[in-house]
Amino acid sequence: MQDADTRLLIIDDDEMFCHVLSRAMTRRGFEVNVAHDADQAMSLARRHRPEFATLDLKLEQSSGLKLLPELLEVVPACRIVVLTGYSSIATAVEAIKLGAVNYLCKPADAEEILIALGREQGDPDAEVADNPPSINRIAWEHIQKVLQEHDGNISATARALGMHRRTLQRKLQKRPVRR
């Protein structure tokens, strides 16, 4: 997939994750640049024109979903994989609609990311869960969907869900419930 000068941009506010992934991808032949926020990512994208990028969904000061179309405007051919520890069906669908080539839940290792960056088509043999999601998982998915509908606005989402804003903030700070 990569030549010696294939450029990869890693966009994540977790410095340790960036360090580990950067080393792993450099060993695999990528020229790696790392950005910890949206401004830095846009600057590096303009300067280095990466062929590939990993993009954290939940950056410290912004949303990866908002940054995704901006990156593709600057580098239209860039293959972007969205990575997140806060996965939901709503954000996965939006990421793909906005131009990501794949969406992975953290923790994802370098091999999984390489495969995701290189996949051209969907996998009809993908594993389908035997059990339906838990009620807590369904609630998490619903919150994410409503949050997405309100463009990440916590207050508007809380009003739409009929809950106190601080309660919603506490729920959003937690990791998603496992299926």
C-alpha atoms as a PDB file:
ATOM      1  CA  MET A   1       0.000   0.000   0.000  1.00  0.00           C
ATOM      2  CA  GLN A   2       2.748   2.490   0.788  1.00  0.00           C
ATOM      3  CA  ASP A   3       5.907   3.703  -0.887  1.00  0.00           C
ATOM      4  CA  ALA A   4       8.815   5.020   1.156  1.00  0.00           C
ATOM      5  CA  ASP A   5       7.379   8.524   0.900  1.00  0.00           C
ATOM      6  CA  THR A   6       3.688   7.767   1.513  1.00  0.00           C
ATOM      7  CA  ARG A   7       2.415  10.440   3.880  1.00  0.00           C
ATOM      8  CA  LEU A   8       0.158   9.743   6.856  1.00  0.00           C
ATOM      9  CA  LEU A   9      -1.367  12.413   9.075  1.00  0.00           C
ATOM     10  CA  ILE A  10      -2.373  11.287  12.579  1.00  0.00           C
ATOM     11  CA  ILE A  11      -4.885  13.638  14.212  1.00  0.00           C
ATOM     12  CA  ASP A  12      -5.540  12.862  17.869  1.00  0.00           C
ATOM     13  CA  ASP A  13      -5.327  14.803  21.128  1.00  0.00           C
ATOM     14  CA  ASP A  14      -3.959  11.761  23.002  1.00  0.00           C
ATOM     15  CA  GLU A  15      -0.204  12.340  22.802  1.00  0.00           C
ATOM     16  CA  MET A  16       0.750   8.826  23.952  1.00  0.00           C
ATOM     17  CA  PHE A  17      -1.518   7.210  21.363  1.00  0.00           C
ATOM     18  CA  CYS A  18      -0.012   9.462  18.674  1.00  0.00           C
ATOM     19  CA  HIS A  19       3.523   8.550  19.733  1.00  0.00           C
ATOM     20  CA  VAL A  20       2.847   4.797  19.647  1.00  0.00           C
ATOM     21  CA  LEU A  21       0.932   4.882  16.348  1.00  0.00           C
ATOM     22  CA  SER A  22       3.493   7.200  14.757  1.00  0.00           C
ATOM     23  CA  ARG A  23       6.355   4.828  15.599  1.00  0.00           C
ATOM     24  CA  ALA A  24       4.404   1.799  14.347  1.00  0.00           C
ATOM     25  CA  MET A  25       3.501   3.470  11.052  1.00  0.00           C
ATOM     26  CA  THR A  26       7.007   4.855  10.520  1.00  0.00           C
ATOM     27  CA  ARG A  27       8.331   1.290  10.858  1.00  0.00           C
ATOM     28  CA  ARG A  28       5.848   0.284   8.167  1.00  0.00           C
ATOM     29  CA  GLY A  29       7.279   2.830   5.735  1.00  0.00           C
ATOM     30  CA  PHE A  30       5.065   5.884   6.218  1.00  0.00           C
ATOM     31  CA  GLU A  31       6.267   9.455   6.490  1.00  0.00           C
ATOM     32  CA  VAL A  32       4.209  10.465   9.550  1.00  0.00           C
ATOM     33  CA  ASN A  33       3.028  13.878  10.731  1.00  0.00           C
ATOM     34  CA  VAL A  34       1.066  14.328  13.950  1.00  0.00           C
ATOM     35  CA  ALA A  35      -1.518  16.981  14.833  1.00  0.00           C
ATOM     36  CA  HIS A  36      -3.188  17.350  18.226  1.00  0.00           C
ATOM     37  CA  ASP A  37      -5.922  19.822  17.199  1.00  0.00           C
ATOM     38  CA  ALA A  38      -7.898  20.979  14.166  1.00  0.00           C
ATOM     39  CA  ASP A  39      -5.758  24.038  13.362  1.00  0.00           C
ATOM     40  CA  GLN A  40      -2.540  22.034  13.439  1.00  0.00           C
ATOM     41  CA  ALA A  41      -4.186  19.308  11.311  1.00  0.00           C
ATOM     42  CA  MET A  42      -5.270  21.775   8.632  1.00  0.00           C
ATOM     43  CA  SER A  43      -1.838  23.396   8.548  1.00  0.00           C
ATOM     44  CA  LEU A  44      -0.077  20.039   8.160  1.00  0.00           C
ATOM     45  CA  ALA A  45      -2.599  18.865   5.546  1.00  0.00           C
ATOM     46  CA  ARG A  46      -1.984  21.972   3.425  1.00  0.00           C
ATOM     47  CA  ARG A  47       1.793  21.664   3.753  1.00  0.00           C
ATOM     48  CA  HIS A  48       2.300  17.887   3.382  1.00  0.00           C
ATOM     49  CA  ARG A  49      -0.772  16.753   1.356  1.00  0.00           C
ATOM     50  CA  PRO A  50      -1.115  13.323   3.022  1.00  0.00           C
ATOM     51  CA  GLU A  51      -2.421  10.322   1.119  1.00  0.00           C
ATOM     52  CA  PHE A  52      -3.793   8.845   4.371  1.00  0.00           C
ATOM     53  CA  ALA A  53      -5.026  10.147   7.713  1.00  0.00           C
ATOM     54  CA  THR A  54      -6.390   8.869  10.993  1.00  0.00           C
ATOM     55  CA  LEU A  55      -8.806  11.246  12.679  1.00  0.00           C
ATOM     56  CA  ASP A  56      -9.991  11.071  16.272  1.00  0.00           C
ATOM     57  CA  LEU A  57     -13.731  11.643  16.488  1.00  0.00           C
ATOM     58  CA  LYS A  58     -13.570  13.559  19.757  1.00  0.00           C
ATOM     59  CA  LEU A  59     -10.757  16.110  19.767  1.00  0.00           C
ATOM     60  CA  GLU A  60     -10.180  18.335  22.797  1.00  0.00           C
ATOM     61  CA  GLN A  61     -11.575  21.528  21.250  1.00  0.00           C
ATOM     62  CA  SER A  62     -13.548  20.237  18.264  1.00  0.00           C
ATOM     63  CA  SER A  63     -15.267  17.332  16.590  1.00  0.00           C
ATOM     64  CA  GLY A  64     -13.543  15.103  14.079  1.00  0.00           C
ATOM     65  CA  LEU A  65     -16.802  15.103  12.106  1.00  0.00           C
ATOM     66  CA  LYS A  66     -16.506  18.864  11.606  1.00  0.00           C
ATOM     67  CA  LEU A  67     -12.853  18.565  10.602  1.00  0.00           C
ATOM     68  CA  LEU A  68     -13.386  15.684   8.142  1.00  0.00           C
ATOM     69  CA  PRO A  69     -14.930  17.682   5.245  1.00  0.00           C
ATOM     70  CA  GLU A  70     -12.415  20.493   5.773  1.00  0.00           C
ATOM     71  CA  LEU A  71      -9.531  18.031   5.376  1.00  0.00           C
ATOM     72  CA  LEU A  72     -11.068  16.529   2.249  1.00  0.00           C
ATOM     73  CA  GLU A  73     -11.520  19.990   0.770  1.00  0.00           C
ATOM     74  CA  VAL A  74      -7.769  20.591   1.130  1.00  0.00           C
ATOM     75  CA  VAL A  75      -6.695  17.037   0.182  1.00  0.00           C
ATOM     76  CA  PRO A  76      -9.601  15.437  -1.737  1.00  0.00           C
ATOM     77  CA  ALA A  77      -7.808  12.141  -2.434  1.00  0.00           C
ATOM     78  CA  CYS A  78      -6.828  11.573   1.219  1.00  0.00           C
ATOM     79  CA  ARG A  79      -8.128   8.279   2.629  1.00  0.00           C
ATOM     80  CA  ILE A  80      -9.304   9.036   6.163  1.00  0.00           C
ATOM     81  CA  VAL A  81     -10.121   6.525   8.891  1.00  0.00           C
ATOM     82  CA  VAL A  82     -12.042   7.870  11.889  1.00  0.00           C
ATOM     83  CA  LEU A  83     -10.929   6.401  15.223  1.00  0.00           C
ATOM     84  CA  THR A  84     -12.916   6.728  18.423  1.00  0.00           C
ATOM     85  CA  GLY A  85     -13.359   5.478  21.924  1.00  0.00           C
ATOM     86  CA  TYR A  86     -16.922   6.847  21.783  1.00  0.00           C
ATOM     87  CA  SER A  87     -18.406   4.835  18.941  1.00  0.00           C
ATOM     88  CA  SER A  88     -22.025   4.955  17.927  1.00  0.00           C
ATOM     89  CA  ILE A  89     -23.984   4.013  14.859  1.00  0.00           C
ATOM     90  CA  ALA A  90     -24.952   7.657  14.284  1.00  0.00           C
ATOM     91  CA  THR A  91     -21.351   8.908  14.235  1.00  0.00           C
ATOM     92  CA  ALA A  92     -20.176   5.965  12.111  1.00  0.00           C
ATOM     93  CA  VAL A  93     -22.840   6.676   9.487  1.00  0.00           C
ATOM     94  CA  GLU A  94     -22.077  10.409   9.501  1.00  0.00           C
ATOM     95  CA  ALA A  95     -18.320   9.810   9.208  1.00  0.00           C
ATOM     96  CA  ILE A  96     -18.821   7.639   6.128  1.00  0.00           C
ATOM     97  CA  LYS A  97     -21.303  10.109   4.591  1.00  0.00           C
ATOM     98  CA  LEU A  98     -18.791  12.916   5.156  1.00  0.00           C
ATOM     99  CA  GLY A  99     -16.072  11.018   3.286  1.00  0.00           C
ATOM    100  CA  ALA A 100     -14.224   8.745   5.718  1.00  0.00           C
ATOM    101  CA  VAL A 101     -13.225   5.424   4.167  1.00  0.00           C
ATOM    102  CA  ASN A 102     -13.609   3.574   7.463  1.00  0.00           C
ATOM    103  CA  TYR A 103     -14.492   3.955  11.140  1.00  0.00           C
ATOM    104  CA  LEU A 104     -12.722   2.011  13.889  1.00  0.00           C
ATOM    105  CA  CYS A 105     -13.330   1.750  17.609  1.00  0.00           C
ATOM    106  CA  LYS A 106     -10.358   2.281  19.904  1.00  0.00           C
ATOM    107  CA  PRO A 107      -8.293   0.526  20.873  1.00  0.00           C
ATOM    108  CA  ALA A 108      -7.208  -0.224  17.318  1.00  0.00           C
ATOM    109  CA  ASP A 109      -3.691  -1.407  16.550  1.00  0.00           C
ATOM    110  CA  ALA A 110      -1.497  -0.435  13.608  1.00  0.00           C
ATOM    111  CA  GLU A 111      -2.443  -3.534  11.581  1.00  0.00           C
ATOM    112  CA  GLU A 112      -6.174  -2.872  11.944  1.00  0.00           C
ATOM    113  CA  ILE A 113      -5.623   0.730  10.894  1.00  0.00           C
ATOM    114  CA  LEU A 114      -3.529  -0.321   7.874  1.00  0.00           C
ATOM    115  CA  ILE A 115      -6.249  -2.724   6.768  1.00  0.00           C
ATOM    116  CA  ALA A 116      -8.919  -0.037   7.232  1.00  0.00           C
ATOM    117  CA  LEU A 117      -6.903   2.520   5.243  1.00  0.00           C
ATOM    118  CA  GLY A 118      -6.432   0.067   2.385  1.00  0.00           C
ATOM    119  CA  ARG A 119      -9.930  -1.406   2.106  1.00  0.00           C
ATOM    120  CA  GLU A 120     -11.683  -0.333  -1.064  1.00  0.00           C
ATOM    121  CA  GLN A 121     -15.033  -2.051  -0.501  1.00  0.00           C
ATOM    122  CA  GLY A 122     -17.299  -3.312   2.256  1.00  0.00           C
ATOM    123  CA  ASP A 123     -17.070  -6.854   3.619  1.00  0.00           C
ATOM    124  CA  PRO A 124     -20.226  -8.912   3.017  1.00  0.00           C
ATOM    125  CA  ASP A 125     -18.817 -11.549   5.388  1.00  0.00           C
ATOM    126  CA  ALA A 126     -18.555  -9.138   8.328  1.00  0.00           C
ATOM    127  CA  GLU A 127     -19.626 -10.747  11.582  1.00  0.00           C
ATOM    128  CA  VAL A 128     -23.195 -10.027  12.662  1.00  0.00           C
ATOM    129  CA  ALA A 129     -23.803 -10.038  16.421  1.00  0.00           C
ATOM    130  CA  ASP A 130     -25.842 -12.948  17.796  1.00  0.00           C
ATOM    131  CA  ASN A 131     -27.394 -10.865  20.570  1.00  0.00           C
ATOM    132  CA  PRO A 132     -29.273  -7.583  20.290  1.00  0.00           C
ATOM    133  CA  PRO A 133     -27.659  -4.567  21.964  1.00  0.00           C
ATOM    134  CA  SER A 134     -28.394  -3.941  25.645  1.00  0.00           C
ATOM    135  CA  ILE A 135     -30.908  -1.296  26.676  1.00  0.00           C
ATOM    136  CA  ASN A 136     -28.007   0.826  27.965  1.00  0.00           C
ATOM    137  CA  ARG A 137     -26.303   0.582  24.569  1.00  0.00           C
ATOM    138  CA  ILE A 138     -29.528   1.559  22.804  1.00  0.00           C
ATOM    139  CA  ALA A 139     -29.829   4.585  25.117  1.00  0.00           C
ATOM    140  CA  TRP A 140     -26.192   5.551  24.328  1.00  0.00           C
ATOM    141  CA  GLU A 141     -26.874   5.257  20.585  1.00  0.00           C
ATOM    142  CA  HIS A 142     -30.016   7.385  20.903  1.00  0.00           C
ATOM    143  CA  ILE A 143     -28.164  10.109  22.801  1.00  0.00           C
ATOM    144  CA  GLN A 144     -25.453  10.135  20.116  1.00  0.00           C
ATOM    145  CA  LYS A 145     -28.071  10.363  17.353  1.00  0.00           C
ATOM    146  CA  VAL A 146     -29.869  13.291  19.012  1.00  0.00           C
ATOM    147  CA  LEU A 147     -26.527  14.996  19.734  1.00  0.00           C
ATOM    148  CA  GLN A 148     -25.607  14.634  16.057  1.00  0.00           C
ATOM    149  CA  GLU A 149     -28.986  16.075  15.001  1.00  0.00           C
ATOM    150  CA  HIS A 150     -28.243  19.135  17.148  1.00  0.00           C
ATOM    151  CA  ASP A 151     -24.726  19.608  15.739  1.00  0.00           C
ATOM    152  CA  GLY A 152     -23.054  18.713  19.031  1.00  0.00           C
ATOM    153  CA  ASN A 153     -24.987  21.345  21.008  1.00  0.00           C
ATOM    154  CA  ILE A 154     -25.281  19.886  24.533  1.00  0.00           C
ATOM    155  CA  SER A 155     -28.021  22.265  25.726  1.00  0.00           C
ATOM    156  CA  ALA A 156     -30.243  21.678  22.682  1.00  0.00           C
ATOM    157  CA  THR A 157     -29.693  17.920  22.942  1.00  0.00           C
ATOM    158  CA  ALA A 158     -30.577  17.906  26.653  1.00  0.00           C
ATOM    159  CA  ARG A 159     -33.798  19.817  25.916  1.00  0.00           C
ATOM    160  CA  ALA A 160     -34.690  17.398  23.115  1.00  0.00           C
ATOM    161  CA  LEU A 161     -34.062  14.411  25.398  1.00  0.00           C
ATOM    162  CA  GLY A 162     -35.924  15.987  28.318  1.00  0.00           C
ATOM    163  CA  MET A 163     -32.971  15.792  30.684  1.00  0.00           C
ATOM    164  CA  HIS A 164     -30.844  18.244  32.601  1.00  0.00           C
ATOM    165  CA  ARG A 165     -27.786  19.514  30.710  1.00  0.00           C
ATOM    166  CA  ARG A 166     -25.370  18.395  33.457  1.00  0.00           C
ATOM    167  CA  THR A 167     -26.859  14.900  33.482  1.00  0.00           C
ATOM    168  CA  LEU A 168     -26.279  14.689  29.744  1.00  0.00           C
ATOM    169  CA  GLN A 169     -22.710  15.978  30.137  1.00  0.00           C
ATOM    170  CA  ARG A 170     -21.993  13.260  32.728  1.00  0.00           C
ATOM    171  CA  LYS A 171     -23.395  10.587  30.421  1.00  0.00           C
ATOM    172  CA  LEU A 172     -21.285  11.858  27.520  1.00  0.00           C
ATOM    173  CA  GLN A 173     -18.079  11.822  29.582  1.00  0.00           C
ATOM    174  CA  LYS A 174     -18.446   8.091  30.205  1.00  0.00           C
ATOM    175  CA  ARG A 175     -17.258   5.482  27.781  1.00  0.00           C
ATOM    176  CA  PRO A 176     -19.994   3.937  25.656  1.00  0.00           C
ATOM    177  CA  VAL A 177     -21.701   0.850  26.979  1.00  0.00           C
ATOM    178  CA  ARG A 178     -20.533  -2.405  25.395  1.00  0.00           C
ATOM    179  CA  ARG A 179     -22.976  -4.180  23.173  1.00  0.00           C
END
